[in-house]
Amino acid sequence: MEWPEETLLAAYPALHVSVMAQIIEPFSSVEEGRAFWVETGCSLVIIEMTDSMSEFQAMPQHTQNQVMFGLRYPEQEFAISEDWRLLLAILNDEGAGIYLLIHSDAPLITTLEGMHHE
């Protein structure tokens, strides 16, 4: 998946610096982080307050699976702002991860979290 910086900056300029700081933190440089991201297939999924189940179901199945895995098994969770949190789940032995940027009032999260308890 593409390096998230430009997409994130355009959509959420107020969150951009905090989110990118967490994504880059394990690496010695932005370039190293970007290379790892591309090489291993890391991704960022943004779950907004207005997202619906139909939008989730429109995602490719592998992305849906990764989101569900990320919600169930986050390795780290960061408070990005009063309304946003960032979860990180590691998906494989190569270290590929999925970052979930989640609005705290997103009703979709309640629905998805309820699905894996059934």
N, C-alpha and C. Protein backbone atom coordinates (compact mmCIF):
# COMPACT_ATOMS: atom_id res chain seq x y z
N MET A 1 0.84 -1.18 0.00
CA MET A 1 0.00 0.00 0.00
C MET A 1 0.88 1.24 0.00
N GLU A 2 0.36 2.32 -0.50
CA GLU A 2 1.16 3.53 -0.61
C GLU A 2 1.50 4.12 0.75
N TRP A 3 2.63 4.79 0.79
CA TRP A 3 3.07 5.50 1.98
C TRP A 3 1.99 6.52 2.33
N PRO A 4 1.54 6.58 3.58
CA PRO A 4 0.33 7.33 3.92
C PRO A 4 0.48 8.85 4.04
N GLU A 5 1.67 9.35 3.96
CA GLU A 5 1.90 10.76 4.30
C GLU A 5 1.03 11.74 3.52
N GLU A 6 1.00 11.63 2.20
CA GLU A 6 0.25 12.60 1.40
C GLU A 6 -1.26 12.49 1.61
N THR A 7 -1.77 11.26 1.64
CA THR A 7 -3.20 11.04 1.85
C THR A 7 -3.62 11.57 3.22
N LEU A 8 -2.83 11.26 4.21
CA LEU A 8 -3.13 11.68 5.58
C LEU A 8 -3.07 13.19 5.71
N LEU A 9 -2.06 13.79 5.11
CA LEU A 9 -1.90 15.24 5.17
C LEU A 9 -3.10 15.94 4.54
N ALA A 10 -3.54 15.43 3.41
CA ALA A 10 -4.67 16.04 2.71
C ALA A 10 -5.97 15.89 3.51
N ALA A 11 -6.18 14.71 4.07
CA ALA A 11 -7.45 14.44 4.77
C ALA A 11 -7.48 15.01 6.19
N TYR A 12 -6.37 14.92 6.88
CA TYR A 12 -6.34 15.28 8.31
C TYR A 12 -5.07 16.06 8.66
N PRO A 13 -4.97 17.29 8.22
CA PRO A 13 -3.74 18.04 8.50
C PRO A 13 -3.44 18.17 9.99
N ALA A 14 -4.46 18.23 10.83
CA ALA A 14 -4.23 18.39 12.28
C ALA A 14 -3.67 17.12 12.92
N LEU A 15 -3.92 15.96 12.31
CA LEU A 15 -3.44 14.69 12.86
C LEU A 15 -2.15 14.21 12.21
N HIS A 16 -1.84 14.80 11.08
CA HIS A 16 -0.73 14.34 10.24
C HIS A 16 0.57 14.14 11.02
N VAL A 17 1.01 15.16 11.73
CA VAL A 17 2.30 15.10 12.42
C VAL A 17 2.32 13.99 13.46
N SER A 18 1.28 13.89 14.27
CA SER A 18 1.23 12.88 15.34
C SER A 18 1.20 11.46 14.79
N VAL A 19 0.40 11.24 13.76
CA VAL A 19 0.29 9.90 13.18
C VAL A 19 1.60 9.50 12.50
N MET A 20 2.15 10.40 11.69
CA MET A 20 3.40 10.07 11.00
C MET A 20 4.54 9.86 11.99
N ALA A 21 4.55 10.57 13.10
CA ALA A 21 5.58 10.37 14.12
C ALA A 21 5.53 8.95 14.65
N GLN A 22 4.33 8.40 14.87
CA GLN A 22 4.20 7.03 15.35
C GLN A 22 4.62 6.02 14.28
N ILE A 23 4.28 6.29 13.04
CA ILE A 23 4.63 5.37 11.95
C ILE A 23 6.14 5.34 11.73
N ILE A 24 6.78 6.48 11.85
CA ILE A 24 8.22 6.59 11.58
C ILE A 24 9.07 6.21 12.80
N GLU A 25 8.51 6.28 13.99
CA GLU A 25 9.27 6.11 15.24
C GLU A 25 10.22 4.91 15.28
N PRO A 26 9.84 3.73 14.80
CA PRO A 26 10.77 2.59 14.91
C PRO A 26 11.97 2.65 13.97
N PHE A 27 12.01 3.63 13.08
CA PHE A 27 13.04 3.67 12.05
C PHE A 27 14.01 4.83 12.28
N SER A 28 15.19 4.72 11.69
CA SER A 28 16.19 5.77 11.86
C SER A 28 15.94 6.97 10.96
N SER A 29 15.08 6.81 9.95
CA SER A 29 14.78 7.92 9.05
C SER A 29 13.43 7.69 8.37
N VAL A 30 12.90 8.75 7.79
CA VAL A 30 11.66 8.64 7.02
C VAL A 30 11.88 7.70 5.84
N GLU A 31 13.03 7.80 5.20
CA GLU A 31 13.33 6.96 4.04
C GLU A 31 13.34 5.49 4.41
N GLU A 32 13.93 5.16 5.56
CA GLU A 32 13.96 3.77 6.01
C GLU A 32 12.53 3.28 6.30
N GLY A 33 11.74 4.11 6.94
CA GLY A 33 10.35 3.76 7.22
C GLY A 33 9.56 3.55 5.95
N ARG A 34 9.73 4.44 4.98
CA ARG A 34 9.02 4.33 3.71
C ARG A 34 9.43 3.05 2.97
N ALA A 35 10.71 2.74 2.95
CA ALA A 35 11.19 1.53 2.27
C ALA A 35 10.60 0.28 2.92
N PHE A 36 10.58 0.23 4.24
CA PHE A 36 10.00 -0.92 4.95
C PHE A 36 8.52 -1.03 4.64
N TRP A 37 7.82 0.09 4.66
CA TRP A 37 6.37 0.14 4.40
C TRP A 37 6.07 -0.49 3.05
N VAL A 38 6.80 -0.06 2.03
CA VAL A 38 6.57 -0.55 0.67
C VAL A 38 6.97 -2.02 0.54
N GLU A 39 8.12 -2.38 1.10
CA GLU A 39 8.65 -3.74 0.99
C GLU A 39 7.74 -4.77 1.65
N THR A 40 7.20 -4.44 2.81
CA THR A 40 6.42 -5.43 3.56
C THR A 40 4.91 -5.32 3.36
N GLY A 41 4.45 -4.25 2.75
CA GLY A 41 3.02 -4.11 2.50
C GLY A 41 2.23 -3.61 3.69
N CYS A 42 2.80 -2.69 4.45
CA CYS A 42 2.06 -2.08 5.56
C CYS A 42 0.91 -1.25 5.01
N SER A 43 -0.06 -0.97 5.87
CA SER A 43 -1.19 -0.16 5.42
C SER A 43 -1.77 0.66 6.57
N LEU A 44 -2.49 1.70 6.18
CA LEU A 44 -3.21 2.55 7.11
C LEU A 44 -4.65 2.59 6.67
N VAL A 45 -5.57 2.26 7.58
CA VAL A 45 -7.00 2.36 7.31
C VAL A 45 -7.56 3.39 8.28
N ILE A 46 -8.28 4.35 7.74
CA ILE A 46 -8.88 5.40 8.55
C ILE A 46 -10.37 5.09 8.70
N ILE A 47 -10.81 5.00 9.94
CA ILE A 47 -12.23 4.73 10.23
C ILE A 47 -12.81 6.00 10.84
N GLU A 48 -13.63 6.65 10.03
CA GLU A 48 -14.20 7.94 10.40
C GLU A 48 -15.54 7.79 11.10
N MET A 49 -16.00 8.88 11.66
CA MET A 49 -17.26 8.90 12.38
C MET A 49 -18.44 8.53 11.48
N THR A 50 -18.34 8.83 10.21
CA THR A 50 -19.46 8.61 9.29
C THR A 50 -19.38 7.29 8.53
N ASP A 51 -18.34 6.49 8.75
CA ASP A 51 -18.20 5.24 8.01
C ASP A 51 -19.30 4.25 8.40
N SER A 52 -19.74 3.49 7.42
CA SER A 52 -20.84 2.54 7.63
C SER A 52 -20.38 1.11 7.34
N MET A 53 -21.22 0.17 7.71
CA MET A 53 -20.94 -1.23 7.44
C MET A 53 -20.85 -1.48 5.94
N SER A 54 -21.67 -0.82 5.15
CA SER A 54 -21.61 -1.03 3.69
C SER A 54 -20.28 -0.54 3.13
N GLU A 55 -19.72 0.53 3.68
CA GLU A 55 -18.40 1.00 3.24
C GLU A 55 -17.32 -0.01 3.64
N PHE A 56 -17.44 -0.57 4.83
CA PHE A 56 -16.49 -1.60 5.26
C PHE A 56 -16.57 -2.81 4.34
N GLN A 57 -17.78 -3.24 4.02
CA GLN A 57 -17.96 -4.42 3.17
C GLN A 57 -17.52 -4.17 1.73
N ALA A 58 -17.42 -2.90 1.33
CA ALA A 58 -16.93 -2.57 -0.01
C ALA A 58 -15.41 -2.69 -0.12
N MET A 59 -14.73 -2.78 1.02
CA MET A 59 -13.27 -2.96 1.01
C MET A 59 -12.95 -4.35 0.49
N PRO A 60 -11.76 -4.53 -0.10
CA PRO A 60 -11.35 -5.89 -0.47
C PRO A 60 -11.37 -6.81 0.76
N GLN A 61 -11.66 -8.09 0.54
CA GLN A 61 -11.79 -9.04 1.65
C GLN A 61 -10.52 -9.10 2.49
N HIS A 62 -9.34 -9.06 1.86
CA HIS A 62 -8.10 -9.13 2.65
C HIS A 62 -7.96 -7.90 3.55
N THR A 63 -8.42 -6.75 3.09
CA THR A 63 -8.37 -5.54 3.93
C THR A 63 -9.35 -5.67 5.09
N GLN A 64 -10.55 -6.18 4.82
CA GLN A 64 -11.51 -6.42 5.91
C GLN A 64 -10.91 -7.34 6.96
N ASN A 65 -10.26 -8.42 6.50
CA ASN A 65 -9.64 -9.37 7.43
C ASN A 65 -8.56 -8.70 8.27
N GLN A 66 -7.75 -7.85 7.62
CA GLN A 66 -6.69 -7.16 8.34
C GLN A 66 -7.25 -6.19 9.37
N VAL A 67 -8.32 -5.47 9.01
CA VAL A 67 -8.95 -4.55 9.96
C VAL A 67 -9.48 -5.32 11.17
N MET A 68 -10.16 -6.42 10.93
CA MET A 68 -10.69 -7.23 12.03
C MET A 68 -9.55 -7.74 12.92
N PHE A 69 -8.46 -8.19 12.29
CA PHE A 69 -7.30 -8.66 13.05
C PHE A 69 -6.73 -7.51 13.89
N GLY A 70 -6.62 -6.34 13.29
CA GLY A 70 -6.10 -5.17 14.00
C GLY A 70 -6.94 -4.77 15.20
N LEU A 71 -8.24 -4.90 15.07
CA LEU A 71 -9.13 -4.58 16.19
C LEU A 71 -9.01 -5.62 17.30
N ARG A 72 -8.84 -6.88 16.92
CA ARG A 72 -8.76 -7.96 17.91
C ARG A 72 -7.41 -8.03 18.61
N TYR A 73 -6.35 -7.81 17.85
CA TYR A 73 -5.00 -8.07 18.37
C TYR A 73 -4.05 -6.89 18.19
N PRO A 74 -4.40 -5.73 18.68
CA PRO A 74 -3.46 -4.61 18.53
C PRO A 74 -2.22 -4.83 19.40
N GLU A 75 -1.07 -4.55 18.82
CA GLU A 75 0.18 -4.64 19.58
C GLU A 75 0.44 -3.34 20.34
N GLN A 76 -0.01 -2.24 19.73
CA GLN A 76 0.17 -0.94 20.35
C GLN A 76 -1.06 -0.08 20.09
N GLU A 77 -1.30 0.84 21.00
CA GLU A 77 -2.38 1.80 20.83
C GLU A 77 -1.87 3.16 21.28
N PHE A 78 -2.12 4.17 20.46
CA PHE A 78 -1.66 5.52 20.73
C PHE A 78 -2.85 6.47 20.72
N ALA A 79 -2.91 7.36 21.70
CA ALA A 79 -3.91 8.44 21.68
C ALA A 79 -3.33 9.55 20.82
N ILE A 80 -3.95 9.80 19.68
CA ILE A 80 -3.46 10.81 18.75
C ILE A 80 -4.03 12.18 19.09
N SER A 81 -5.27 12.21 19.51
CA SER A 81 -5.93 13.43 19.95
C SER A 81 -7.07 13.01 20.87
N GLU A 82 -7.85 13.97 21.29
CA GLU A 82 -8.99 13.65 22.14
C GLU A 82 -9.98 12.73 21.43
N ASP A 83 -10.08 12.86 20.11
CA ASP A 83 -11.08 12.11 19.34
C ASP A 83 -10.53 10.95 18.51
N TRP A 84 -9.22 10.82 18.42
CA TRP A 84 -8.64 9.81 17.53
C TRP A 84 -7.63 8.95 18.26
N ARG A 85 -7.63 7.66 17.91
CA ARG A 85 -6.60 6.74 18.41
C ARG A 85 -6.02 5.97 17.23
N LEU A 86 -4.81 5.53 17.40
CA LEU A 86 -4.11 4.78 16.36
C LEU A 86 -3.73 3.42 16.92
N LEU A 87 -4.20 2.35 16.27
CA LEU A 87 -3.85 0.99 16.66
C LEU A 87 -2.85 0.44 15.66
N LEU A 88 -1.94 -0.39 16.13
CA LEU A 88 -1.00 -1.09 15.26
C LEU A 88 -1.09 -2.57 15.56
N ALA A 89 -1.28 -3.36 14.52
CA ALA A 89 -1.24 -4.82 14.64
C ALA A 89 -0.21 -5.33 13.63
N ILE A 90 0.63 -6.25 14.07
CA ILE A 90 1.63 -6.87 13.20
C ILE A 90 0.98 -8.07 12.53
N LEU A 91 1.11 -8.15 11.20
CA LEU A 91 0.37 -9.14 10.43
C LEU A 91 1.17 -10.39 10.06
N ASN A 92 2.50 -10.29 10.06
CA ASN A 92 3.29 -11.46 9.66
C ASN A 92 4.69 -11.39 10.24
N ASP A 93 5.47 -12.44 10.00
CA ASP A 93 6.82 -12.52 10.55
C ASP A 93 7.78 -11.50 9.96
N GLU A 94 7.45 -10.96 8.79
CA GLU A 94 8.30 -9.93 8.17
C GLU A 94 8.10 -8.57 8.84
N GLY A 95 7.07 -8.47 9.67
CA GLY A 95 6.83 -7.22 10.39
C GLY A 95 5.82 -6.30 9.75
N ALA A 96 5.17 -6.74 8.68
CA ALA A 96 4.15 -5.90 8.06
C ALA A 96 3.06 -5.61 9.08
N GLY A 97 2.57 -4.40 9.05
CA GLY A 97 1.55 -4.04 10.01
C GLY A 97 0.40 -3.30 9.38
N ILE A 98 -0.70 -3.29 10.10
CA ILE A 98 -1.83 -2.46 9.72
C ILE A 98 -2.03 -1.45 10.84
N TYR A 99 -2.08 -0.20 10.44
CA TYR A 99 -2.41 0.88 11.35
C TYR A 99 -3.87 1.22 11.15
N LEU A 100 -4.60 1.34 12.23
CA LEU A 100 -6.00 1.74 12.18
C LEU A 100 -6.13 3.08 12.90
N LEU A 101 -6.47 4.11 12.15
CA LEU A 101 -6.72 5.43 12.72
C LEU A 101 -8.22 5.53 12.90
N ILE A 102 -8.66 5.57 14.16
CA ILE A 102 -10.08 5.39 14.48
C ILE A 102 -10.61 6.60 15.23
N HIS A 103 -11.71 7.14 14.73
CA HIS A 103 -12.41 8.21 15.45
C HIS A 103 -13.16 7.57 16.62
N SER A 104 -13.06 8.19 17.78
CA SER A 104 -13.65 7.58 18.99
C SER A 104 -15.17 7.45 18.94
N ASP A 105 -15.83 8.24 18.11
CA ASP A 105 -17.28 8.17 18.00
C ASP A 105 -17.75 7.40 16.77
N ALA A 106 -16.88 6.62 16.16
CA ALA A 106 -17.24 5.88 14.95
C ALA A 106 -18.13 4.69 15.33
N PRO A 107 -19.41 4.72 14.95
CA PRO A 107 -20.30 3.60 15.29
C PRO A 107 -19.89 2.29 14.62
N LEU A 108 -19.18 2.38 13.52
CA LEU A 108 -18.72 1.17 12.83
C LEU A 108 -17.84 0.31 13.74
N ILE A 109 -17.04 0.93 14.57
CA ILE A 109 -16.15 0.18 15.46
C ILE A 109 -16.96 -0.67 16.44
N THR A 110 -18.00 -0.11 17.01
CA THR A 110 -18.86 -0.87 17.92
C THR A 110 -19.45 -2.08 17.20
N THR A 111 -19.88 -1.88 15.96
CA THR A 111 -20.45 -2.97 15.16
C THR A 111 -19.39 -4.04 14.90
N LEU A 112 -18.21 -3.62 14.45
CA LEU A 112 -17.15 -4.59 14.13
C LEU A 112 -16.67 -5.33 15.38
N GLU A 113 -16.51 -4.61 16.48
CA GLU A 113 -16.07 -5.27 17.71
C GLU A 113 -17.11 -6.27 18.18
N GLY A 114 -18.38 -5.97 17.99
CA GLY A 114 -19.45 -6.89 18.35
C GLY A 114 -19.45 -8.15 17.50
N MET A 115 -19.01 -8.03 16.25
CA MET A 115 -18.99 -9.17 15.34
C MET A 115 -18.05 -10.26 15.81
N HIS A 116 -16.91 -9.90 16.37
CA HIS A 116 -15.97 -10.95 16.76
C HIS A 116 -16.25 -11.51 18.14
N HIS A 117 -17.30 -11.03 18.80
CA HIS A 117 -17.71 -11.62 20.08
C HIS A 117 -18.86 -12.60 19.90
N GLU A 118 -19.40 -12.67 18.68
CA GLU A 118 -20.54 -13.56 18.42
C GLU A 118 -20.08 -14.98 18.22
